[in-house]
Amino acid sequence: MLFTLAGHLPILCWRAVTGTIDSLLVSQVPLGVLPGREFTAQETTYAAGDLFLVLTDGLTEVFDRADREFGIEGVHAVLAAHARSPLPQVDRSAADGRACTGTQLDDQSLIAIRCL
C-alpha cells in the first residue's frame, strides 16, 4: 500500500500481530506552500486486524488545565488501549481523551481504517 503526507502528522498503524504502533511519515512541505511541488509516496505493508489512524494536529495540540499538551503520546496511549475495539469505540475513546483537555483551538479530524 502506498501513502503520502503533505506536512501532516504521521499516520499511526497499530500492528495486530505484534501490538506495536508504527508512525508512517513522509517529510514534505504542506500542500500548496510551494507552487509546482511534486510529492513522493512510500510503501507500507498491512495484515488482517491492523488499524490505521489518520488524524489532524487539532487532536494532539490541546492542553489540560495544567497546560500539558495531549500530544501524539496521548493518541498513542488511546490507540494502544483500544486498538482491538470496534472502530466506533476507538473514535469514542479518542473523544474521551480530548474531553479531559482544554479548549479546542483547531479542527479535530480522525479517520480509522481496520484491515480485514
N, C-alpha and C. Protein backbone atom coordinates (compact mmCIF):
# COMPACT_ATOMS: atom_id res chain seq x y z
N MET A 1 0.85 -1.16 0.00
CA MET A 1 0.00 0.00 0.00
C MET A 1 0.90 1.23 0.00
N LEU A 2 0.58 2.20 -0.84
CA LEU A 2 1.31 3.46 -0.88
C LEU A 2 0.62 4.51 -0.03
N PHE A 3 1.40 5.39 0.59
CA PHE A 3 0.84 6.50 1.35
C PHE A 3 1.74 7.71 1.16
N THR A 4 1.19 8.88 1.39
CA THR A 4 1.97 10.11 1.38
C THR A 4 1.37 11.09 2.37
N LEU A 5 2.13 12.08 2.70
CA LEU A 5 1.69 13.15 3.59
C LEU A 5 2.20 14.46 3.02
N ALA A 6 1.53 15.52 3.36
CA ALA A 6 1.94 16.85 2.89
C ALA A 6 1.93 17.80 4.08
N GLY A 7 2.92 17.64 4.95
CA GLY A 7 3.01 18.49 6.12
C GLY A 7 2.11 18.07 7.26
N HIS A 8 1.61 16.86 7.24
CA HIS A 8 0.69 16.38 8.27
C HIS A 8 1.39 15.50 9.29
N LEU A 9 0.68 15.20 10.35
CA LEU A 9 1.18 14.26 11.35
C LEU A 9 1.38 12.88 10.72
N PRO A 10 2.22 12.06 11.32
CA PRO A 10 2.37 10.70 10.80
C PRO A 10 1.05 9.93 10.86
N ILE A 11 0.89 9.00 9.95
CA ILE A 11 -0.21 8.04 10.03
C ILE A 11 0.22 7.00 11.05
N LEU A 12 -0.64 6.71 12.00
CA LEU A 12 -0.32 5.71 13.02
C LEU A 12 -0.88 4.37 12.59
N CYS A 13 -0.07 3.34 12.69
CA CYS A 13 -0.51 1.99 12.34
C CYS A 13 -0.25 1.06 13.51
N TRP A 14 -1.34 0.55 14.09
CA TRP A 14 -1.24 -0.45 15.15
C TRP A 14 -1.20 -1.81 14.46
N ARG A 15 -0.13 -2.56 14.71
CA ARG A 15 0.08 -3.86 14.09
C ARG A 15 -0.52 -4.95 14.99
N ALA A 16 -1.54 -5.63 14.48
CA ALA A 16 -2.27 -6.62 15.27
C ALA A 16 -1.39 -7.78 15.73
N VAL A 17 -0.48 -8.21 14.92
CA VAL A 17 0.35 -9.37 15.25
C VAL A 17 1.29 -9.06 16.41
N THR A 18 1.85 -7.85 16.44
CA THR A 18 2.84 -7.51 17.46
C THR A 18 2.31 -6.61 18.56
N GLY A 19 1.18 -5.93 18.30
CA GLY A 19 0.64 -4.98 19.26
C GLY A 19 1.45 -3.69 19.35
N THR A 20 2.28 -3.45 18.35
CA THR A 20 3.10 -2.23 18.33
C THR A 20 2.48 -1.18 17.42
N ILE A 21 2.92 0.05 17.60
CA ILE A 21 2.44 1.17 16.78
C ILE A 21 3.59 1.71 15.96
N ASP A 22 3.40 1.74 14.65
CA ASP A 22 4.36 2.35 13.73
C ASP A 22 3.87 3.74 13.37
N SER A 23 4.80 4.67 13.26
CA SER A 23 4.48 6.01 12.76
C SER A 23 4.96 6.09 11.32
N LEU A 24 4.01 6.20 10.40
CA LEU A 24 4.33 6.26 8.98
C LEU A 24 4.47 7.73 8.58
N LEU A 25 5.64 8.10 8.12
CA LEU A 25 5.93 9.50 7.87
C LEU A 25 6.66 9.68 6.55
N VAL A 26 6.25 10.68 5.80
CA VAL A 26 6.96 11.15 4.62
C VAL A 26 7.12 12.65 4.85
N SER A 27 8.33 13.09 5.16
CA SER A 27 8.56 14.51 5.47
C SER A 27 8.52 15.33 4.18
N GLN A 28 7.50 16.16 4.07
CA GLN A 28 7.32 17.02 2.91
C GLN A 28 6.67 18.32 3.36
N VAL A 29 6.77 19.33 2.52
CA VAL A 29 6.16 20.62 2.85
C VAL A 29 4.65 20.50 2.75
N PRO A 30 3.92 21.34 3.49
CA PRO A 30 2.46 21.32 3.39
C PRO A 30 1.98 21.59 1.96
N LEU A 31 0.90 20.95 1.62
CA LEU A 31 0.29 21.09 0.30
C LEU A 31 -0.04 22.55 0.03
N GLY A 32 0.36 23.05 -1.13
CA GLY A 32 0.02 24.40 -1.55
C GLY A 32 1.01 25.47 -1.13
N VAL A 33 2.03 25.13 -0.35
CA VAL A 33 3.00 26.12 0.12
C VAL A 33 3.95 26.53 -1.01
N LEU A 34 4.44 25.56 -1.75
CA LEU A 34 5.36 25.84 -2.85
C LEU A 34 4.71 25.43 -4.16
N PRO A 35 4.48 26.39 -5.06
CA PRO A 35 3.85 26.08 -6.34
C PRO A 35 4.65 25.04 -7.13
N GLY A 36 3.95 24.14 -7.77
CA GLY A 36 4.57 23.14 -8.62
C GLY A 36 5.33 22.05 -7.89
N ARG A 37 5.18 21.99 -6.60
CA ARG A 37 5.90 20.99 -5.79
C ARG A 37 5.40 19.59 -6.11
N GLU A 38 6.33 18.66 -6.30
CA GLU A 38 5.97 17.26 -6.50
C GLU A 38 6.14 16.52 -5.19
N PHE A 39 5.24 15.60 -4.93
CA PHE A 39 5.25 14.85 -3.68
C PHE A 39 5.60 13.40 -3.95
N THR A 40 6.26 12.80 -3.00
CA THR A 40 6.64 11.40 -3.13
C THR A 40 5.76 10.55 -2.20
N ALA A 41 5.76 9.28 -2.47
CA ALA A 41 5.00 8.34 -1.64
C ALA A 41 5.95 7.27 -1.14
N GLN A 42 5.55 6.61 -0.07
CA GLN A 42 6.29 5.46 0.45
C GLN A 42 5.34 4.28 0.54
N GLU A 43 5.91 3.14 0.71
CA GLU A 43 5.11 1.91 0.77
C GLU A 43 5.16 1.32 2.17
N THR A 44 4.04 0.75 2.58
CA THR A 44 3.98 0.01 3.84
C THR A 44 3.17 -1.26 3.60
N THR A 45 3.27 -2.14 4.54
CA THR A 45 2.51 -3.38 4.47
C THR A 45 1.38 -3.33 5.49
N TYR A 46 0.47 -4.25 5.36
CA TYR A 46 -0.60 -4.37 6.34
C TYR A 46 -1.05 -5.82 6.39
N ALA A 47 -1.68 -6.16 7.49
CA ALA A 47 -2.20 -7.51 7.68
C ALA A 47 -3.58 -7.41 8.31
N ALA A 48 -4.30 -8.50 8.27
CA ALA A 48 -5.63 -8.54 8.87
C ALA A 48 -5.56 -8.10 10.33
N GLY A 49 -6.46 -7.21 10.70
CA GLY A 49 -6.52 -6.72 12.07
C GLY A 49 -5.75 -5.44 12.32
N ASP A 50 -4.82 -5.09 11.42
CA ASP A 50 -4.08 -3.83 11.59
C ASP A 50 -5.05 -2.66 11.57
N LEU A 51 -4.69 -1.61 12.29
CA LEU A 51 -5.54 -0.42 12.41
C LEU A 51 -4.71 0.81 12.08
N PHE A 52 -5.17 1.58 11.10
CA PHE A 52 -4.52 2.82 10.71
C PHE A 52 -5.33 3.99 11.25
N LEU A 53 -4.64 4.99 11.80
CA LEU A 53 -5.27 6.25 12.22
C LEU A 53 -4.64 7.40 11.44
N VAL A 54 -5.50 8.14 10.76
CA VAL A 54 -5.09 9.37 10.07
C VAL A 54 -5.75 10.49 10.87
N LEU A 55 -4.94 11.44 11.36
CA LEU A 55 -5.50 12.46 12.24
C LEU A 55 -4.90 13.83 11.98
N THR A 56 -5.62 14.84 12.41
CA THR A 56 -5.13 16.20 12.31
C THR A 56 -4.52 16.64 13.63
N ASP A 57 -3.69 17.67 13.56
CA ASP A 57 -3.00 18.14 14.77
C ASP A 57 -3.92 18.78 15.79
N GLY A 58 -5.16 19.05 15.40
CA GLY A 58 -6.12 19.55 16.38
C GLY A 58 -6.41 18.53 17.47
N LEU A 59 -6.13 17.26 17.20
CA LEU A 59 -6.30 16.21 18.21
C LEU A 59 -5.13 16.15 19.18
N THR A 60 -3.98 16.58 18.74
CA THR A 60 -2.79 16.49 19.58
C THR A 60 -2.45 17.81 20.27
N GLU A 61 -2.81 18.91 19.65
CA GLU A 61 -2.43 20.23 20.17
C GLU A 61 -3.52 20.84 21.03
N VAL A 62 -3.95 20.08 22.02
CA VAL A 62 -4.88 20.57 23.04
C VAL A 62 -4.19 20.40 24.39
N PHE A 63 -4.54 21.24 25.33
CA PHE A 63 -3.84 21.28 26.61
C PHE A 63 -4.83 21.08 27.76
N ASP A 64 -4.35 20.44 28.82
CA ASP A 64 -5.19 20.28 30.00
C ASP A 64 -5.06 21.53 30.89
N ARG A 65 -5.72 21.49 32.01
CA ARG A 65 -5.72 22.66 32.90
C ARG A 65 -4.33 22.98 33.46
N ALA A 66 -3.44 22.01 33.45
CA ALA A 66 -2.06 22.23 33.91
C ALA A 66 -1.15 22.63 32.75
N ASP A 67 -1.76 22.94 31.60
CA ASP A 67 -1.04 23.39 30.40
C ASP A 67 -0.14 22.30 29.81
N ARG A 68 -0.53 21.03 30.00
CA ARG A 68 0.19 19.92 29.38
C ARG A 68 -0.51 19.54 28.09
N GLU A 69 0.27 19.41 27.03
CA GLU A 69 -0.28 19.06 25.72
C GLU A 69 -0.67 17.58 25.69
N PHE A 70 -1.83 17.28 25.07
CA PHE A 70 -2.25 15.88 24.89
C PHE A 70 -1.21 15.16 24.05
N GLY A 71 -0.81 15.75 22.96
CA GLY A 71 0.30 15.27 22.14
C GLY A 71 0.06 13.96 21.43
N ILE A 72 1.01 13.62 20.59
CA ILE A 72 0.93 12.36 19.87
C ILE A 72 1.03 11.19 20.84
N GLU A 73 1.68 11.42 21.99
CA GLU A 73 1.77 10.37 23.01
C GLU A 73 0.39 10.02 23.56
N GLY A 74 -0.46 11.03 23.71
CA GLY A 74 -1.82 10.78 24.17
C GLY A 74 -2.60 9.94 23.18
N VAL A 75 -2.42 10.23 21.90
CA VAL A 75 -3.09 9.45 20.86
C VAL A 75 -2.54 8.03 20.85
N HIS A 76 -1.23 7.87 21.00
CA HIS A 76 -0.63 6.53 21.07
C HIS A 76 -1.24 5.74 22.23
N ALA A 77 -1.41 6.38 23.38
CA ALA A 77 -1.97 5.69 24.55
C ALA A 77 -3.40 5.24 24.28
N VAL A 78 -4.22 6.10 23.68
CA VAL A 78 -5.60 5.74 23.34
C VAL A 78 -5.60 4.60 22.34
N LEU A 79 -4.76 4.69 21.32
CA LEU A 79 -4.70 3.65 20.30
C LEU A 79 -4.27 2.31 20.91
N ALA A 80 -3.24 2.32 21.71
CA ALA A 80 -2.75 1.08 22.33
C ALA A 80 -3.81 0.44 23.23
N ALA A 81 -4.57 1.27 23.94
CA ALA A 81 -5.57 0.76 24.87
C ALA A 81 -6.83 0.24 24.17
N HIS A 82 -7.14 0.75 22.98
CA HIS A 82 -8.42 0.43 22.35
C HIS A 82 -8.30 -0.12 20.93
N ALA A 83 -7.10 -0.52 20.52
CA ALA A 83 -6.88 -0.94 19.14
C ALA A 83 -7.71 -2.14 18.72
N ARG A 84 -8.02 -3.02 19.63
CA ARG A 84 -8.82 -4.21 19.28
C ARG A 84 -10.33 -3.96 19.37
N SER A 85 -10.69 -2.78 19.82
CA SER A 85 -12.12 -2.43 19.96
C SER A 85 -12.73 -2.14 18.59
N PRO A 86 -14.06 -2.21 18.49
CA PRO A 86 -14.73 -1.80 17.25
C PRO A 86 -14.40 -0.33 16.95
N LEU A 87 -14.39 0.02 15.67
CA LEU A 87 -14.00 1.37 15.27
C LEU A 87 -14.78 2.48 15.96
N PRO A 88 -16.11 2.35 16.15
CA PRO A 88 -16.80 3.41 16.88
C PRO A 88 -16.26 3.62 18.29
N GLN A 89 -15.81 2.54 18.94
CA GLN A 89 -15.23 2.67 20.28
C GLN A 89 -13.88 3.36 20.23
N VAL A 90 -13.08 3.10 19.20
CA VAL A 90 -11.80 3.78 19.03
C VAL A 90 -12.05 5.28 18.91
N ASP A 91 -13.04 5.66 18.12
CA ASP A 91 -13.36 7.08 17.95
C ASP A 91 -13.86 7.69 19.26
N ARG A 92 -14.75 6.99 19.96
CA ARG A 92 -15.25 7.49 21.25
C ARG A 92 -14.12 7.63 22.25
N SER A 93 -13.19 6.68 22.26
CA SER A 93 -12.07 6.73 23.19
C SER A 93 -11.17 7.93 22.90
N ALA A 94 -10.96 8.21 21.63
CA ALA A 94 -10.18 9.40 21.27
C ALA A 94 -10.92 10.66 21.71
N ALA A 95 -12.24 10.66 21.57
CA ALA A 95 -13.04 11.81 22.02
C ALA A 95 -12.96 11.95 23.53
N ASP A 96 -12.98 10.83 24.25
CA ASP A 96 -12.85 10.88 25.71
C ASP A 96 -11.50 11.46 26.11
N GLY A 97 -10.45 11.10 25.39
CA GLY A 97 -9.13 11.66 25.66
C GLY A 97 -9.10 13.16 25.46
N ARG A 98 -9.79 13.62 24.44
CA ARG A 98 -9.86 15.06 24.17
C ARG A 98 -10.73 15.77 25.20
N ALA A 99 -11.74 15.08 25.73
CA ALA A 99 -12.68 15.70 26.66
C ALA A 99 -12.00 16.14 27.95
N CYS A 100 -10.92 15.48 28.34
CA CYS A 100 -10.25 15.85 29.59
C CYS A 100 -9.26 16.98 29.37
N THR A 101 -9.24 17.51 28.18
CA THR A 101 -8.29 18.57 27.86
C THR A 101 -9.01 19.91 27.76
N GLY A 102 -8.25 20.92 27.48
CA GLY A 102 -8.78 22.28 27.43
C GLY A 102 -9.53 22.61 26.16
N THR A 103 -9.57 23.87 25.87
CA THR A 103 -10.34 24.40 24.75
C THR A 103 -9.82 23.90 23.41
N GLN A 104 -10.74 23.56 22.53
CA GLN A 104 -10.40 23.16 21.18
C GLN A 104 -10.09 24.41 20.37
N LEU A 105 -8.89 24.48 19.78
CA LEU A 105 -8.48 25.64 19.01
C LEU A 105 -8.33 25.35 17.53
N ASP A 106 -8.42 24.10 17.13
CA ASP A 106 -8.18 23.71 15.75
C ASP A 106 -9.14 22.58 15.39
N ASP A 107 -9.22 22.28 14.08
CA ASP A 107 -10.08 21.17 13.66
C ASP A 107 -9.58 19.88 14.28
N GLN A 108 -10.49 18.99 14.55
CA GLN A 108 -10.16 17.69 15.12
C GLN A 108 -10.78 16.60 14.26
N SER A 109 -9.95 16.03 13.41
CA SER A 109 -10.42 15.00 12.49
C SER A 109 -9.66 13.71 12.70
N LEU A 110 -10.38 12.61 12.59
CA LEU A 110 -9.78 11.29 12.77
C LEU A 110 -10.43 10.32 11.78
N ILE A 111 -9.61 9.59 11.07
CA ILE A 111 -10.08 8.52 10.20
C ILE A 111 -9.44 7.24 10.71
N ALA A 112 -10.25 6.25 11.03
CA ALA A 112 -9.75 4.96 11.49
C ALA A 112 -10.07 3.91 10.43
N ILE A 113 -9.05 3.14 10.05
CA ILE A 113 -9.21 2.12 9.00
C ILE A 113 -8.71 0.80 9.55
N ARG A 114 -9.60 -0.18 9.61
CA ARG A 114 -9.22 -1.53 10.07
C ARG A 114 -9.07 -2.42 8.84
N CYS A 115 -7.96 -3.13 8.76
CA CYS A 115 -7.71 -4.06 7.66
C CYS A 115 -8.39 -5.39 7.95
N LEU A 116 -9.05 -5.91 6.94
CA LEU A 116 -9.76 -7.18 7.10
C LEU A 116 -8.97 -8.31 6.47
